[in-house]
């Protein structure tokens, strides 16, 4: 699917219930395989408590990316590439769907899910500030483990 196809699916999903509580989430996970590294990016629009629509994008790097920082950075780059497709015009079109219903409880947030954690035992903790700053600079709210389920659970399912 093209980005415009994906965007139109998101619009259609939100127009079904314009007074919903929506979260637009983008995140990427990776898995090193023999002679390649597989990256899966997930794009999810969720109407909290009422369902979701999601799709994935697959990227194969034809080498084993064993350096953790390189892999986490590339995951974040792939997420940023998708996030960058949501121009101000796209964002405004999504906001315009829920805007008339804000005073009746409607909401809309945009999140970038990063497959890293800040726990003491997490090997990725030293990269949290760098990756969070990158997602924030794109205008999306960064989420890390355990709240980054699009990267750490949804996309992860397709990397195996």
C-alpha atoms as a PDB file:
ATOM      1  CA  UNK A   1       0.000   0.000   0.000  1.00  0.00           C
ATOM      2  CA  UNK A   2       1.138   3.523  -0.639  1.00  0.00           C
ATOM      3  CA  UNK A   3       1.254   6.056   2.170  1.00  0.00           C
ATOM      4  CA  UNK A   4      -1.799   7.803   0.714  1.00  0.00           C
ATOM      5  CA  UNK A   5      -3.709   4.488   0.763  1.00  0.00           C
ATOM      6  CA  UNK A   6      -2.734   4.009   4.405  1.00  0.00           C
ATOM      7  CA  UNK A   7      -3.702   7.575   5.234  1.00  0.00           C
ATOM      8  CA  UNK A   8      -7.119   7.161   3.593  1.00  0.00           C
ATOM      9  CA  UNK A   9      -7.694   3.958   5.614  1.00  0.00           C
ATOM     10  CA  UNK A  10      -6.886   5.896   8.793  1.00  0.00           C
ATOM     11  CA  UNK A  11      -9.310   8.656   7.751  1.00  0.00           C
ATOM     12  CA  UNK A  12     -12.053   6.104   7.025  1.00  0.00           C
ATOM     13  CA  UNK A  13     -11.483   4.387  10.376  1.00  0.00           C
ATOM     14  CA  UNK A  14     -11.702   7.682  12.282  1.00  0.00           C
ATOM     15  CA  UNK A  15     -14.744   8.910  10.357  1.00  0.00           C
ATOM     16  CA  UNK A  16     -16.713   5.863  11.542  1.00  0.00           C
ATOM     17  CA  UNK A  17     -16.735   7.328  15.075  1.00  0.00           C
ATOM     18  CA  UNK A  18     -15.481  10.932  15.000  1.00  0.00           C
ATOM     19  CA  UNK A  19     -16.117  11.331  18.731  1.00  0.00           C
ATOM     20  CA  UNK A  20     -13.639   8.564  19.623  1.00  0.00           C
ATOM     21  CA  UNK A  21     -10.390   8.634  21.571  1.00  0.00           C
ATOM     22  CA  UNK A  22      -7.739   8.039  18.930  1.00  0.00           C
ATOM     23  CA  UNK A  23      -4.069   7.161  19.149  1.00  0.00           C
ATOM     24  CA  UNK A  24      -2.004   7.167  15.960  1.00  0.00           C
ATOM     25  CA  UNK A  25       1.083   5.056  16.708  1.00  0.00           C
ATOM     26  CA  UNK A  26       4.153   4.220  14.650  1.00  0.00           C
ATOM     27  CA  UNK A  27       6.951   1.920  15.778  1.00  0.00           C
ATOM     28  CA  UNK A  28       9.650  -0.388  14.425  1.00  0.00           C
ATOM     29  CA  UNK A  29      11.296  -3.584  15.644  1.00  0.00           C
ATOM     30  CA  UNK A  30      14.100  -5.682  14.192  1.00  0.00           C
ATOM     31  CA  UNK A  31      15.489  -9.184  14.285  1.00  0.00           C
ATOM     32  CA  UNK A  32      18.915 -10.345  13.147  1.00  0.00           C
ATOM     33  CA  UNK A  33      18.735 -13.435  10.930  1.00  0.00           C
ATOM     34  CA  UNK A  34      21.452 -15.303   9.037  1.00  0.00           C
ATOM     35  CA  UNK A  35      22.930 -12.856   6.472  1.00  0.00           C
ATOM     36  CA  UNK A  36      20.187 -10.254   6.973  1.00  0.00           C
ATOM     37  CA  UNK A  37      18.384  -8.063   9.463  1.00  0.00           C
ATOM     38  CA  UNK A  38      14.617  -7.777   9.199  1.00  0.00           C
ATOM     39  CA  UNK A  39      12.898  -4.537  10.194  1.00  0.00           C
ATOM     40  CA  UNK A  40       9.132  -4.288  10.619  1.00  0.00           C
ATOM     41  CA  UNK A  41       7.399  -0.943  11.099  1.00  0.00           C
ATOM     42  CA  UNK A  42       3.840  -0.881  12.356  1.00  0.00           C
ATOM     43  CA  UNK A  43       1.302   1.879  11.793  1.00  0.00           C
ATOM     44  CA  UNK A  44      -1.689   1.601  14.128  1.00  0.00           C
ATOM     45  CA  UNK A  45      -4.751   3.815  14.581  1.00  0.00           C
ATOM     46  CA  UNK A  46      -6.610   2.846  17.745  1.00  0.00           C
ATOM     47  CA  UNK A  47      -9.978   4.035  18.981  1.00  0.00           C
ATOM     48  CA  UNK A  48      -9.365   3.268  22.653  1.00  0.00           C
ATOM     49  CA  UNK A  49     -11.718   0.534  23.833  1.00  0.00           C
ATOM     50  CA  UNK A  50     -13.390   0.259  20.428  1.00  0.00           C
ATOM     51  CA  UNK A  51     -10.851  -1.332  18.086  1.00  0.00           C
ATOM     52  CA  UNK A  52      -7.951  -0.541  15.831  1.00  0.00           C
ATOM     53  CA  UNK A  53      -6.689  -0.689  12.266  1.00  0.00           C
ATOM     54  CA  UNK A  54      -3.066  -1.538  11.572  1.00  0.00           C
ATOM     55  CA  UNK A  55      -0.577  -2.330   8.835  1.00  0.00           C
ATOM     56  CA  UNK A  56       3.119  -3.148   8.583  1.00  0.00           C
ATOM     57  CA  UNK A  57       6.052  -2.211   6.374  1.00  0.00           C
ATOM     58  CA  UNK A  58       8.935  -4.635   5.911  1.00  0.00           C
ATOM     59  CA  UNK A  59      12.554  -3.604   5.244  1.00  0.00           C
ATOM     60  CA  UNK A  60      15.366  -6.119   4.831  1.00  0.00           C
ATOM     61  CA  UNK A  61      18.957  -5.038   5.359  1.00  0.00           C
ATOM     62  CA  UNK A  62      21.152  -7.657   3.598  1.00  0.00           C
ATOM     63  CA  UNK A  63      23.590  -8.053   6.490  1.00  0.00           C
ATOM     64  CA  UNK A  64      23.586  -9.015  10.130  1.00  0.00           C
ATOM     65  CA  UNK A  65      23.385  -5.773  12.135  1.00  0.00           C
ATOM     66  CA  UNK A  66      24.803  -7.004  15.430  1.00  0.00           C
ATOM     67  CA  UNK A  67      25.713  -3.629  16.963  1.00  0.00           C
ATOM     68  CA  UNK A  68      22.820  -2.695  19.255  1.00  0.00           C
ATOM     69  CA  UNK A  69      23.155   1.085  18.895  1.00  0.00           C
ATOM     70  CA  UNK A  70      23.219   0.853  15.090  1.00  0.00           C
ATOM     71  CA  UNK A  71      20.121  -1.355  15.049  1.00  0.00           C
ATOM     72  CA  UNK A  72      18.150   0.786  17.538  1.00  0.00           C
ATOM     73  CA  UNK A  73      19.136   3.919  15.621  1.00  0.00           C
ATOM     74  CA  UNK A  74      18.010   2.397  12.315  1.00  0.00           C
ATOM     75  CA  UNK A  75      14.707   1.276  13.882  1.00  0.00           C
ATOM     76  CA  UNK A  76      14.169   4.867  15.000  1.00  0.00           C
ATOM     77  CA  UNK A  77      15.116   6.147  11.530  1.00  0.00           C
ATOM     78  CA  UNK A  78      12.514   3.880   9.892  1.00  0.00           C
ATOM     79  CA  UNK A  79       9.893   5.122  12.349  1.00  0.00           C
ATOM     80  CA  UNK A  80      10.925   8.720  11.605  1.00  0.00           C
ATOM     81  CA  UNK A  81      10.571   8.114   7.858  1.00  0.00           C
ATOM     82  CA  UNK A  82       6.961   7.074   8.294  1.00  0.00           C
ATOM     83  CA  UNK A  83       6.223   9.845  10.799  1.00  0.00           C
ATOM     84  CA  UNK A  84       7.665  12.410   8.368  1.00  0.00           C
ATOM     85  CA  UNK A  85       5.033  11.429   5.807  1.00  0.00           C
ATOM     86  CA  UNK A  86       2.374  12.839   8.149  1.00  0.00           C
ATOM     87  CA  UNK A  87       2.719  16.441   7.007  1.00  0.00           C
ATOM     88  CA  UNK A  88       1.005  19.325   8.798  1.00  0.00           C
ATOM     89  CA  UNK A  89      -1.809  19.026   6.239  1.00  0.00           C
ATOM     90  CA  UNK A  90      -2.234  15.317   7.042  1.00  0.00           C
ATOM     91  CA  UNK A  91      -2.178  15.978  10.784  1.00  0.00           C
ATOM     92  CA  UNK A  92      -4.696  18.798  10.449  1.00  0.00           C
ATOM     93  CA  UNK A  93      -7.027  16.579   8.436  1.00  0.00           C
ATOM     94  CA  UNK A  94      -6.958  13.978  11.231  1.00  0.00           C
ATOM     95  CA  UNK A  95      -7.442  16.598  13.935  1.00  0.00           C
ATOM     96  CA  UNK A  96     -10.355  18.120  12.003  1.00  0.00           C
ATOM     97  CA  UNK A  97     -12.234  14.820  12.310  1.00  0.00           C
ATOM     98  CA  UNK A  98     -12.260  14.875  16.121  1.00  0.00           C
ATOM     99  CA  UNK A  99     -12.177  18.653  16.684  1.00  0.00           C
ATOM    100  CA  UNK A 100     -15.974  19.184  16.605  1.00  0.00           C
ATOM    101  CA  UNK A 101     -16.291  16.486  19.285  1.00  0.00           C
ATOM    102  CA  UNK A 102     -13.520  17.581  21.685  1.00  0.00           C
ATOM    103  CA  UNK A 103     -15.974  18.981  24.238  1.00  0.00           C
ATOM    104  CA  UNK A 104     -17.797  15.650  24.203  1.00  0.00           C
ATOM    105  CA  UNK A 105     -14.675  13.679  25.114  1.00  0.00           C
ATOM    106  CA  UNK A 106     -13.036  13.059  21.728  1.00  0.00           C
ATOM    107  CA  UNK A 107      -9.231  13.037  21.582  1.00  0.00           C
ATOM    108  CA  UNK A 108      -6.351  12.437  19.203  1.00  0.00           C
ATOM    109  CA  UNK A 109      -2.684  11.777  19.973  1.00  0.00           C
ATOM    110  CA  UNK A 110       0.294  10.824  17.814  1.00  0.00           C
ATOM    111  CA  UNK A 111       2.919   8.502  19.280  1.00  0.00           C
ATOM    112  CA  UNK A 112       6.291   7.146  18.201  1.00  0.00           C
ATOM    113  CA  UNK A 113       6.945   3.776  19.809  1.00  0.00           C
ATOM    114  CA  UNK A 114      10.602   2.938  20.402  1.00  0.00           C
ATOM    115  CA  UNK A 115      11.720  -0.595  21.258  1.00  0.00           C
ATOM    116  CA  UNK A 116      13.948   0.495  24.146  1.00  0.00           C
ATOM    117  CA  UNK A 117      13.633   0.592  27.915  1.00  0.00           C
ATOM    118  CA  UNK A 118      15.101   2.552  30.790  1.00  0.00           C
ATOM    119  CA  UNK A 119      15.215  -0.263  33.340  1.00  0.00           C
ATOM    120  CA  UNK A 120      18.525  -1.078  35.023  1.00  0.00           C
ATOM    121  CA  UNK A 121      18.700  -4.484  33.357  1.00  0.00           C
ATOM    122  CA  UNK A 122      17.819  -3.185  29.885  1.00  0.00           C
ATOM    123  CA  UNK A 123      20.791  -3.034  27.481  1.00  0.00           C
ATOM    124  CA  UNK A 124      19.161  -0.171  25.549  1.00  0.00           C
ATOM    125  CA  UNK A 125      18.787   2.218  28.505  1.00  0.00           C
ATOM    126  CA  UNK A 126      21.803   4.309  27.467  1.00  0.00           C
ATOM    127  CA  UNK A 127      20.073   5.190  24.165  1.00  0.00           C
ATOM    128  CA  UNK A 128      16.737   6.312  25.631  1.00  0.00           C
ATOM    129  CA  UNK A 129      17.431  10.055  25.736  1.00  0.00           C
ATOM    130  CA  UNK A 130      18.833  10.128  22.187  1.00  0.00           C
ATOM    131  CA  UNK A 131      15.944   8.181  20.606  1.00  0.00           C
ATOM    132  CA  UNK A 132      13.243   9.968  22.634  1.00  0.00           C
ATOM    133  CA  UNK A 133      14.622  13.340  21.517  1.00  0.00           C
ATOM    134  CA  UNK A 134      14.547  12.228  17.888  1.00  0.00           C
ATOM    135  CA  UNK A 135      10.866  11.225  18.082  1.00  0.00           C
ATOM    136  CA  UNK A 136       9.927  14.406  19.979  1.00  0.00           C
ATOM    137  CA  UNK A 137      11.590  16.517  17.285  1.00  0.00           C
ATOM    138  CA  UNK A 138       9.205  14.930  14.758  1.00  0.00           C
ATOM    139  CA  UNK A 139       6.160  16.167  16.699  1.00  0.00           C
ATOM    140  CA  UNK A 140       5.117  12.755  17.988  1.00  0.00           C
ATOM    141  CA  UNK A 141       4.960  11.737  21.635  1.00  0.00           C
ATOM    142  CA  UNK A 142       7.690   9.151  22.302  1.00  0.00           C
ATOM    143  CA  UNK A 143       6.819   5.931  24.114  1.00  0.00           C
ATOM    144  CA  UNK A 144       9.351   3.432  25.475  1.00  0.00           C
ATOM    145  CA  UNK A 145       8.921   0.021  27.098  1.00  0.00           C
ATOM    146  CA  UNK A 146       6.589  -1.006  28.601  1.00  0.00           C
ATOM    147  CA  UNK A 147       4.350   1.506  26.755  1.00  0.00           C
ATOM    148  CA  UNK A 148       5.824   1.051  23.255  1.00  0.00           C
ATOM    149  CA  UNK A 149       3.692  -1.938  22.286  1.00  0.00           C
ATOM    150  CA  UNK A 150       3.538  -1.144  18.561  1.00  0.00           C
ATOM    151  CA  UNK A 151       7.313  -1.692  18.353  1.00  0.00           C
ATOM    152  CA  UNK A 152       7.845  -4.214  21.144  1.00  0.00           C
ATOM    153  CA  UNK A 153       4.776  -6.382  20.521  1.00  0.00           C
ATOM    154  CA  UNK A 154       2.915  -5.708  17.240  1.00  0.00           C
ATOM    155  CA  UNK A 155       5.943  -5.205  14.940  1.00  0.00           C
ATOM    156  CA  UNK A 156       7.943  -7.782  16.908  1.00  0.00           C
ATOM    157  CA  UNK A 157       5.398 -10.457  15.985  1.00  0.00           C
ATOM    158  CA  UNK A 158       6.344 -10.106  12.294  1.00  0.00           C
ATOM    159  CA  UNK A 159      10.149 -10.095  12.729  1.00  0.00           C
ATOM    160  CA  UNK A 160      10.479 -13.778  13.631  1.00  0.00           C
END
